[in-house]
Amino acid sequence: SGATVYCSGVNFPDSQSASADANTLDDYEEGTFTPTWVSGSGTLGSINYSNRVGKYTKIGRCVYFIYYSGNSTLTAVGSTISGLPFTNGSDVSNYTAINCAHFNFTTAGKDAYIVAGGTTIHFVSGTTTTTYVAGSAKFAMISGCYFIS
């Protein structure tokens, strides 16, 4: 007869114990971060955040994240969000597209990316002019994943 084996889960140390073996999962982390709207090339107006939260899960080199921002009032907004929890890989292949499920800060599209070697989400309009919409009830629900170096 066989013995019953019980597992309570996989535990990782508080600090990464890096392995040279590419097939060894040696890093797992969950946490939160506080992203901030910043001015890209224009003037950043005042933003009163009613809610703002970022959560991430890092598995090896891959970082999965979600970001939610609800604003009660907004006079203008920047074209980038800074404060991702880890720096995107620096190789040019690390430019990473981001999903914006609900985003009403701009009259342009919801296309966004993380530049290689950066910790900032950049928004692109597809046109030469992006109009940021001031007012109340502005929301951003953004998710993505990227690889660190």
N, C-alpha and C. Protein backbone atom coordinates (compact mmCIF):
# COMPACT_ATOMS: atom_id res chain seq x y z
N SER A 1 0.84 -1.18 0.00
CA SER A 1 0.00 0.00 0.00
C SER A 1 0.88 1.24 0.00
N GLY A 2 0.38 2.32 -0.60
CA GLY A 2 1.16 3.56 -0.70
C GLY A 2 0.86 4.50 0.45
N ALA A 3 1.82 5.32 0.78
CA ALA A 3 1.66 6.30 1.85
C ALA A 3 1.04 7.57 1.28
N THR A 4 0.26 8.27 2.07
CA THR A 4 -0.33 9.53 1.67
C THR A 4 0.65 10.66 1.98
N VAL A 5 0.86 11.52 1.01
CA VAL A 5 1.78 12.64 1.17
C VAL A 5 0.98 13.93 1.11
N TYR A 6 1.16 14.78 2.11
CA TYR A 6 0.47 16.05 2.14
C TYR A 6 1.47 17.18 1.93
N CYS A 7 1.08 18.16 1.10
CA CYS A 7 1.93 19.32 0.87
C CYS A 7 1.20 20.57 1.32
N SER A 8 1.92 21.45 1.98
CA SER A 8 1.29 22.68 2.45
C SER A 8 1.54 23.86 1.52
N GLY A 9 2.25 23.67 0.44
CA GLY A 9 2.51 24.76 -0.50
C GLY A 9 4.00 24.92 -0.72
N VAL A 10 4.32 25.82 -1.61
CA VAL A 10 5.71 26.11 -1.93
C VAL A 10 6.10 27.39 -1.20
N ASN A 11 7.17 27.35 -0.47
CA ASN A 11 7.66 28.54 0.25
C ASN A 11 8.98 29.00 -0.35
N PHE A 12 9.10 30.31 -0.50
CA PHE A 12 10.33 30.90 -1.00
C PHE A 12 10.93 31.75 0.12
N PRO A 13 12.23 31.88 0.18
CA PRO A 13 12.84 32.71 1.21
C PRO A 13 12.50 34.19 0.99
N ASP A 14 12.66 35.00 2.04
CA ASP A 14 12.37 36.44 1.94
C ASP A 14 13.23 37.14 0.89
N SER A 15 14.46 36.70 0.72
CA SER A 15 15.31 37.25 -0.32
C SER A 15 15.59 36.16 -1.35
N GLN A 16 15.69 36.58 -2.61
CA GLN A 16 15.87 35.64 -3.70
C GLN A 16 17.14 34.81 -3.53
N SER A 17 17.04 33.54 -3.80
CA SER A 17 18.18 32.64 -3.81
C SER A 17 18.39 32.21 -5.26
N ALA A 18 19.10 33.04 -6.01
CA ALA A 18 19.24 32.85 -7.45
C ALA A 18 19.91 31.54 -7.79
N SER A 19 19.39 30.92 -8.86
CA SER A 19 19.93 29.66 -9.34
C SER A 19 20.47 29.86 -10.75
N ALA A 20 21.54 29.19 -11.09
CA ALA A 20 22.10 29.25 -12.43
C ALA A 20 21.30 28.37 -13.39
N ASP A 21 20.47 27.49 -12.85
CA ASP A 21 19.67 26.59 -13.65
C ASP A 21 18.43 27.33 -14.16
N ALA A 22 18.28 27.44 -15.47
CA ALA A 22 17.15 28.18 -16.06
C ALA A 22 15.81 27.52 -15.77
N ASN A 23 15.80 26.27 -15.38
CA ASN A 23 14.55 25.55 -15.12
C ASN A 23 14.17 25.53 -13.64
N THR A 24 14.86 26.29 -12.82
CA THR A 24 14.55 26.35 -11.39
C THR A 24 13.81 27.64 -11.09
N LEU A 25 12.60 27.50 -10.55
CA LEU A 25 11.84 28.67 -10.12
C LEU A 25 12.41 29.13 -8.79
N ASP A 26 13.13 30.25 -8.81
CA ASP A 26 13.85 30.69 -7.62
C ASP A 26 13.38 32.03 -7.07
N ASP A 27 12.28 32.58 -7.64
CA ASP A 27 11.81 33.86 -7.15
C ASP A 27 10.31 33.99 -7.38
N TYR A 28 9.59 34.32 -6.32
CA TYR A 28 8.15 34.58 -6.38
C TYR A 28 7.85 35.67 -5.36
N GLU A 29 7.08 36.66 -5.77
CA GLU A 29 6.79 37.78 -4.86
C GLU A 29 5.43 38.38 -5.21
N GLU A 30 4.70 38.78 -4.20
CA GLU A 30 3.45 39.51 -4.38
C GLU A 30 3.55 40.81 -3.60
N GLY A 31 2.91 41.87 -4.12
CA GLY A 31 2.97 43.12 -3.39
C GLY A 31 2.08 44.18 -4.00
N THR A 32 2.21 45.38 -3.47
CA THR A 32 1.47 46.54 -3.96
C THR A 32 2.45 47.64 -4.32
N PHE A 33 2.00 48.57 -5.14
CA PHE A 33 2.78 49.74 -5.49
C PHE A 33 1.82 50.91 -5.67
N THR A 34 2.33 52.12 -5.58
CA THR A 34 1.49 53.31 -5.69
C THR A 34 1.90 54.11 -6.93
N PRO A 35 1.21 53.89 -8.04
CA PRO A 35 1.54 54.61 -9.26
C PRO A 35 1.09 56.07 -9.19
N THR A 36 1.74 56.92 -9.97
CA THR A 36 1.46 58.35 -9.96
C THR A 36 1.41 58.88 -11.39
N TRP A 37 0.39 59.66 -11.71
CA TRP A 37 0.36 60.34 -13.00
C TRP A 37 1.45 61.39 -13.02
N VAL A 38 2.19 61.45 -14.12
CA VAL A 38 3.24 62.46 -14.28
C VAL A 38 3.08 63.12 -15.65
N SER A 39 3.64 64.31 -15.76
CA SER A 39 3.58 65.05 -17.01
C SER A 39 4.57 64.47 -17.99
N GLY A 40 4.11 64.18 -19.19
CA GLY A 40 5.01 63.73 -20.25
C GLY A 40 5.65 64.92 -20.90
N SER A 41 4.92 65.58 -21.78
CA SER A 41 5.45 66.77 -22.43
C SER A 41 4.58 68.00 -22.16
N GLY A 42 3.47 67.80 -21.47
CA GLY A 42 2.58 68.93 -21.20
C GLY A 42 2.61 69.32 -19.74
N THR A 43 1.62 70.09 -19.35
CA THR A 43 1.51 70.55 -17.98
C THR A 43 0.58 69.63 -17.21
N LEU A 44 1.02 69.20 -16.06
CA LEU A 44 0.21 68.33 -15.23
C LEU A 44 -0.63 69.19 -14.30
N GLY A 45 -1.93 69.05 -14.39
CA GLY A 45 -2.83 69.80 -13.52
C GLY A 45 -3.00 69.08 -12.20
N SER A 46 -4.00 69.49 -11.45
CA SER A 46 -4.21 68.87 -10.15
C SER A 46 -5.06 67.61 -10.29
N ILE A 47 -4.71 66.61 -9.51
CA ILE A 47 -5.43 65.35 -9.50
C ILE A 47 -5.75 65.02 -8.05
N ASN A 48 -7.01 64.78 -7.79
CA ASN A 48 -7.43 64.31 -6.47
C ASN A 48 -7.83 62.85 -6.61
N TYR A 49 -6.98 61.95 -6.14
CA TYR A 49 -7.26 60.53 -6.26
C TYR A 49 -8.28 60.13 -5.21
N SER A 50 -9.39 59.54 -5.64
CA SER A 50 -10.31 58.97 -4.67
C SER A 50 -9.89 57.53 -4.36
N ASN A 51 -9.32 56.88 -5.34
CA ASN A 51 -8.76 55.53 -5.19
C ASN A 51 -7.55 55.42 -6.09
N ARG A 52 -6.54 54.74 -5.63
CA ARG A 52 -5.35 54.51 -6.45
C ARG A 52 -4.61 53.33 -5.86
N VAL A 53 -4.51 52.26 -6.64
CA VAL A 53 -3.83 51.07 -6.14
C VAL A 53 -3.20 50.30 -7.29
N GLY A 54 -2.05 49.75 -7.02
CA GLY A 54 -1.39 48.86 -7.95
C GLY A 54 -1.03 47.58 -7.20
N LYS A 55 -1.23 46.44 -7.84
CA LYS A 55 -0.87 45.14 -7.26
C LYS A 55 -0.05 44.37 -8.29
N TYR A 56 0.89 43.57 -7.80
CA TYR A 56 1.72 42.80 -8.72
C TYR A 56 2.02 41.42 -8.16
N THR A 57 2.35 40.53 -9.08
CA THR A 57 2.90 39.21 -8.76
C THR A 57 4.11 39.03 -9.66
N LYS A 58 5.25 38.76 -9.05
CA LYS A 58 6.50 38.54 -9.79
C LYS A 58 6.85 37.07 -9.69
N ILE A 59 6.95 36.42 -10.84
CA ILE A 59 7.32 35.02 -10.91
C ILE A 59 8.57 34.94 -11.78
N GLY A 60 9.69 34.66 -11.16
CA GLY A 60 10.95 34.67 -11.90
C GLY A 60 11.21 36.08 -12.43
N ARG A 61 11.39 36.20 -13.76
CA ARG A 61 11.62 37.51 -14.39
C ARG A 61 10.35 38.19 -14.84
N CYS A 62 9.20 37.52 -14.77
CA CYS A 62 7.95 38.05 -15.28
C CYS A 62 7.16 38.75 -14.17
N VAL A 63 6.73 39.99 -14.44
CA VAL A 63 5.95 40.77 -13.49
C VAL A 63 4.56 40.98 -14.08
N TYR A 64 3.55 40.47 -13.40
CA TYR A 64 2.16 40.70 -13.76
C TYR A 64 1.63 41.81 -12.85
N PHE A 65 0.88 42.77 -13.42
CA PHE A 65 0.39 43.84 -12.57
C PHE A 65 -1.01 44.28 -12.99
N ILE A 66 -1.71 44.87 -12.03
CA ILE A 66 -2.97 45.55 -12.30
C ILE A 66 -2.88 46.92 -11.63
N TYR A 67 -3.55 47.89 -12.20
CA TYR A 67 -3.56 49.25 -11.67
C TYR A 67 -4.97 49.79 -11.80
N TYR A 68 -5.43 50.41 -10.75
CA TYR A 68 -6.74 51.08 -10.77
C TYR A 68 -6.57 52.48 -10.22
N SER A 69 -7.16 53.43 -10.92
CA SER A 69 -7.16 54.81 -10.45
C SER A 69 -8.55 55.37 -10.67
N GLY A 70 -9.16 55.85 -9.60
CA GLY A 70 -10.43 56.55 -9.69
C GLY A 70 -10.20 57.96 -9.16
N ASN A 71 -10.60 58.95 -9.92
CA ASN A 71 -10.34 60.33 -9.55
C ASN A 71 -11.65 61.07 -9.33
N SER A 72 -11.72 61.76 -8.22
CA SER A 72 -12.92 62.54 -7.96
C SER A 72 -12.93 63.84 -8.75
N THR A 73 -11.78 64.49 -8.88
CA THR A 73 -11.68 65.70 -9.70
C THR A 73 -10.36 65.69 -10.45
N LEU A 74 -10.36 66.36 -11.58
CA LEU A 74 -9.19 66.34 -12.45
C LEU A 74 -9.20 67.62 -13.27
N THR A 75 -8.13 68.41 -13.19
CA THR A 75 -8.06 69.61 -14.04
C THR A 75 -7.23 69.35 -15.29
N ALA A 76 -6.33 68.40 -15.23
CA ALA A 76 -5.55 67.97 -16.39
C ALA A 76 -4.82 66.71 -15.98
N VAL A 77 -4.25 66.04 -16.91
CA VAL A 77 -3.54 64.81 -16.57
C VAL A 77 -2.30 64.68 -17.44
N GLY A 78 -1.29 64.05 -16.91
CA GLY A 78 -0.07 63.82 -17.68
C GLY A 78 -0.26 62.67 -18.64
N SER A 79 0.75 62.40 -19.41
CA SER A 79 0.65 61.36 -20.42
C SER A 79 1.36 60.08 -20.00
N THR A 80 1.81 60.00 -18.77
CA THR A 80 2.47 58.80 -18.29
C THR A 80 2.09 58.50 -16.85
N ILE A 81 2.25 57.24 -16.48
CA ILE A 81 2.07 56.81 -15.09
C ILE A 81 3.39 56.20 -14.65
N SER A 82 3.96 56.74 -13.58
CA SER A 82 5.24 56.22 -13.10
C SER A 82 5.03 55.38 -11.85
N GLY A 83 6.03 54.59 -11.52
CA GLY A 83 6.01 53.86 -10.27
C GLY A 83 5.76 52.38 -10.38
N LEU A 84 5.99 51.77 -11.56
CA LEU A 84 5.88 50.32 -11.63
C LEU A 84 6.86 49.69 -10.65
N PRO A 85 6.57 48.52 -10.11
CA PRO A 85 7.38 47.98 -9.02
C PRO A 85 8.78 47.52 -9.41
N PHE A 86 9.02 47.20 -10.68
CA PHE A 86 10.34 46.75 -11.13
C PHE A 86 10.65 47.40 -12.47
N THR A 87 11.92 47.52 -12.79
CA THR A 87 12.34 48.12 -14.06
C THR A 87 12.21 47.11 -15.19
N ASN A 88 11.55 47.52 -16.26
CA ASN A 88 11.41 46.70 -17.45
C ASN A 88 12.80 46.38 -18.00
N GLY A 89 12.95 45.24 -18.64
CA GLY A 89 14.23 44.86 -19.23
C GLY A 89 14.75 45.94 -20.18
N SER A 90 16.06 46.07 -20.29
CA SER A 90 16.65 47.17 -21.06
C SER A 90 16.84 46.85 -22.53
N ASP A 91 16.70 45.59 -22.94
CA ASP A 91 16.83 45.22 -24.35
C ASP A 91 15.67 45.83 -25.13
N VAL A 92 15.89 46.24 -26.36
CA VAL A 92 14.86 46.89 -27.18
C VAL A 92 13.64 45.97 -27.35
N SER A 93 13.83 44.67 -27.25
CA SER A 93 12.69 43.74 -27.38
C SER A 93 11.77 43.80 -26.15
N ASN A 94 12.15 44.55 -25.13
CA ASN A 94 11.35 44.65 -23.92
C ASN A 94 10.32 45.79 -23.96
N TYR A 95 10.19 46.50 -25.07
CA TYR A 95 9.06 47.42 -25.18
C TYR A 95 7.81 46.56 -25.05
N THR A 96 6.90 46.91 -24.14
CA THR A 96 5.81 46.02 -23.79
C THR A 96 4.47 46.73 -23.92
N ALA A 97 3.55 46.14 -24.68
CA ALA A 97 2.20 46.69 -24.82
C ALA A 97 1.41 46.42 -23.54
N ILE A 98 0.55 47.37 -23.18
CA ILE A 98 -0.23 47.30 -21.95
C ILE A 98 -1.72 47.35 -22.31
N ASN A 99 -2.55 46.65 -21.55
CA ASN A 99 -3.99 46.64 -21.76
C ASN A 99 -4.67 47.69 -20.89
N CYS A 100 -5.46 48.54 -21.49
CA CYS A 100 -6.26 49.53 -20.76
C CYS A 100 -7.73 49.19 -20.97
N ALA A 101 -8.34 48.53 -20.00
CA ALA A 101 -9.71 48.06 -20.16
C ALA A 101 -10.72 49.20 -20.05
N HIS A 102 -10.55 50.08 -19.11
CA HIS A 102 -11.45 51.22 -18.94
C HIS A 102 -10.57 52.44 -18.69
N PHE A 103 -10.65 53.39 -19.58
CA PHE A 103 -9.73 54.53 -19.51
C PHE A 103 -10.42 55.73 -20.15
N ASN A 104 -10.83 56.70 -19.36
CA ASN A 104 -11.54 57.86 -19.92
C ASN A 104 -10.84 59.18 -19.62
N PHE A 105 -9.51 59.16 -19.61
CA PHE A 105 -8.73 60.38 -19.37
C PHE A 105 -8.45 61.16 -20.66
N THR A 106 -8.65 60.53 -21.79
CA THR A 106 -8.24 61.15 -23.04
C THR A 106 -9.26 60.89 -24.14
N THR A 107 -9.30 61.77 -25.13
CA THR A 107 -10.18 61.57 -26.28
C THR A 107 -9.54 60.61 -27.27
N ALA A 108 -8.28 60.30 -27.11
CA ALA A 108 -7.58 59.40 -28.01
C ALA A 108 -7.81 57.95 -27.59
N GLY A 109 -7.14 57.05 -28.24
CA GLY A 109 -7.28 55.64 -27.93
C GLY A 109 -6.67 55.28 -26.59
N LYS A 110 -6.75 54.00 -26.27
CA LYS A 110 -6.26 53.50 -24.99
C LYS A 110 -4.95 52.72 -25.14
N ASP A 111 -4.18 53.02 -26.16
CA ASP A 111 -2.92 52.31 -26.38
C ASP A 111 -1.87 52.79 -25.40
N ALA A 112 -1.13 51.84 -24.83
CA ALA A 112 -0.09 52.17 -23.85
C ALA A 112 1.03 51.16 -23.94
N TYR A 113 2.21 51.55 -23.46
CA TYR A 113 3.37 50.65 -23.46
C TYR A 113 4.32 51.04 -22.35
N ILE A 114 5.21 50.12 -22.01
CA ILE A 114 6.31 50.38 -21.09
C ILE A 114 7.58 50.40 -21.93
N VAL A 115 8.34 51.47 -21.83
CA VAL A 115 9.58 51.59 -22.59
C VAL A 115 10.63 50.64 -22.01
N ALA A 116 11.51 50.14 -22.85
CA ALA A 116 12.60 49.28 -22.38
C ALA A 116 13.44 50.03 -21.36
N GLY A 117 13.77 49.37 -20.25
CA GLY A 117 14.59 49.98 -19.22
C GLY A 117 13.85 50.98 -18.34
N GLY A 118 12.52 50.99 -18.39
CA GLY A 118 11.77 51.99 -17.64
C GLY A 118 10.81 51.41 -16.62
N THR A 119 10.23 52.30 -15.82
CA THR A 119 9.22 51.93 -14.83
C THR A 119 7.96 52.78 -15.04
N THR A 120 7.75 53.24 -16.27
CA THR A 120 6.67 54.17 -16.57
C THR A 120 5.81 53.64 -17.71
N ILE A 121 4.49 53.79 -17.57
CA ILE A 121 3.55 53.47 -18.63
C ILE A 121 3.33 54.73 -19.45
N HIS A 122 3.52 54.62 -20.76
CA HIS A 122 3.35 55.74 -21.68
C HIS A 122 2.09 55.51 -22.51
N PHE A 123 1.32 56.57 -22.70
CA PHE A 123 0.11 56.48 -23.51
C PHE A 123 0.35 57.11 -24.86
N VAL A 124 -0.18 56.49 -25.91
CA VAL A 124 -0.03 57.00 -27.27
C VAL A 124 -1.42 57.22 -27.84
N SER A 125 -1.54 58.26 -28.65
CA SER A 125 -2.86 58.64 -29.16
C SER A 125 -3.11 58.14 -30.57
N GLY A 126 -2.06 57.86 -31.33
CA GLY A 126 -2.25 57.52 -32.72
C GLY A 126 -2.44 58.74 -33.60
N THR A 127 -2.46 59.91 -32.97
CA THR A 127 -2.58 61.17 -33.71
C THR A 127 -1.49 62.10 -33.19
N THR A 128 -1.38 63.26 -33.79
CA THR A 128 -0.36 64.20 -33.34
C THR A 128 -0.80 64.96 -32.11
N THR A 129 -2.10 64.98 -31.83
CA THR A 129 -2.61 65.73 -30.68
C THR A 129 -3.45 64.81 -29.80
N THR A 130 -3.16 64.80 -28.53
CA THR A 130 -3.96 64.08 -27.56
C THR A 130 -4.65 65.09 -26.67
N THR A 131 -5.96 64.98 -26.54
CA THR A 131 -6.71 65.88 -25.69
C THR A 131 -7.07 65.15 -24.41
N TYR A 132 -6.58 65.66 -23.29
CA TYR A 132 -6.91 65.08 -22.00
C TYR A 132 -8.18 65.72 -21.49
N VAL A 133 -9.07 64.89 -21.00
CA VAL A 133 -10.41 65.34 -20.63
C VAL A 133 -10.46 65.61 -19.14
N ALA A 134 -10.64 66.88 -18.77
CA ALA A 134 -10.76 67.24 -17.37
C ALA A 134 -12.18 66.98 -16.89
N GLY A 135 -12.36 66.96 -15.59
CA GLY A 135 -13.69 66.77 -15.03
C GLY A 135 -13.67 65.78 -13.89
N SER A 136 -14.84 65.22 -13.62
CA SER A 136 -14.95 64.26 -12.53
C SER A 136 -15.21 62.87 -13.09
N ALA A 137 -15.19 61.89 -12.21
CA ALA A 137 -15.45 60.49 -12.55
C ALA A 137 -14.50 59.97 -13.63
N LYS A 138 -13.22 60.21 -13.46
CA LYS A 138 -12.21 59.70 -14.38
C LYS A 138 -11.60 58.43 -13.80
N PHE A 139 -11.48 57.40 -14.63
CA PHE A 139 -11.02 56.10 -14.17
C PHE A 139 -9.97 55.53 -15.12
N ALA A 140 -9.07 54.74 -14.57
CA ALA A 140 -8.11 53.98 -15.36
C ALA A 140 -8.02 52.58 -14.76
N MET A 141 -8.28 51.58 -15.59
CA MET A 141 -8.11 50.18 -15.18
C MET A 141 -7.13 49.57 -16.18
N ILE A 142 -5.94 49.29 -15.70
CA ILE A 142 -4.84 48.91 -16.57
C ILE A 142 -4.22 47.62 -16.05
N SER A 143 -3.83 46.73 -16.98
CA SER A 143 -3.14 45.50 -16.57
C SER A 143 -2.09 45.16 -17.62
N GLY A 144 -1.15 44.33 -17.21
CA GLY A 144 -0.11 43.92 -18.15
C GLY A 144 0.89 43.01 -17.48
N CYS A 145 1.85 42.61 -18.27
CA CYS A 145 3.00 41.87 -17.73
C CYS A 145 4.22 42.25 -18.54
N TYR A 146 5.36 42.20 -17.88
CA TYR A 146 6.61 42.56 -18.54
C TYR A 146 7.75 41.76 -17.92
N PHE A 147 8.86 41.69 -18.64
CA PHE A 147 10.02 40.95 -18.18
C PHE A 147 11.12 41.89 -17.71
N ILE A 148 11.68 41.60 -16.56
CA ILE A 148 12.81 42.39 -16.05
C ILE A 148 14.10 41.74 -16.52
N SER A 149 15.21 42.44 -16.39
CA SER A 149 16.51 41.89 -16.81
C SER A 149 16.96 40.78 -15.90
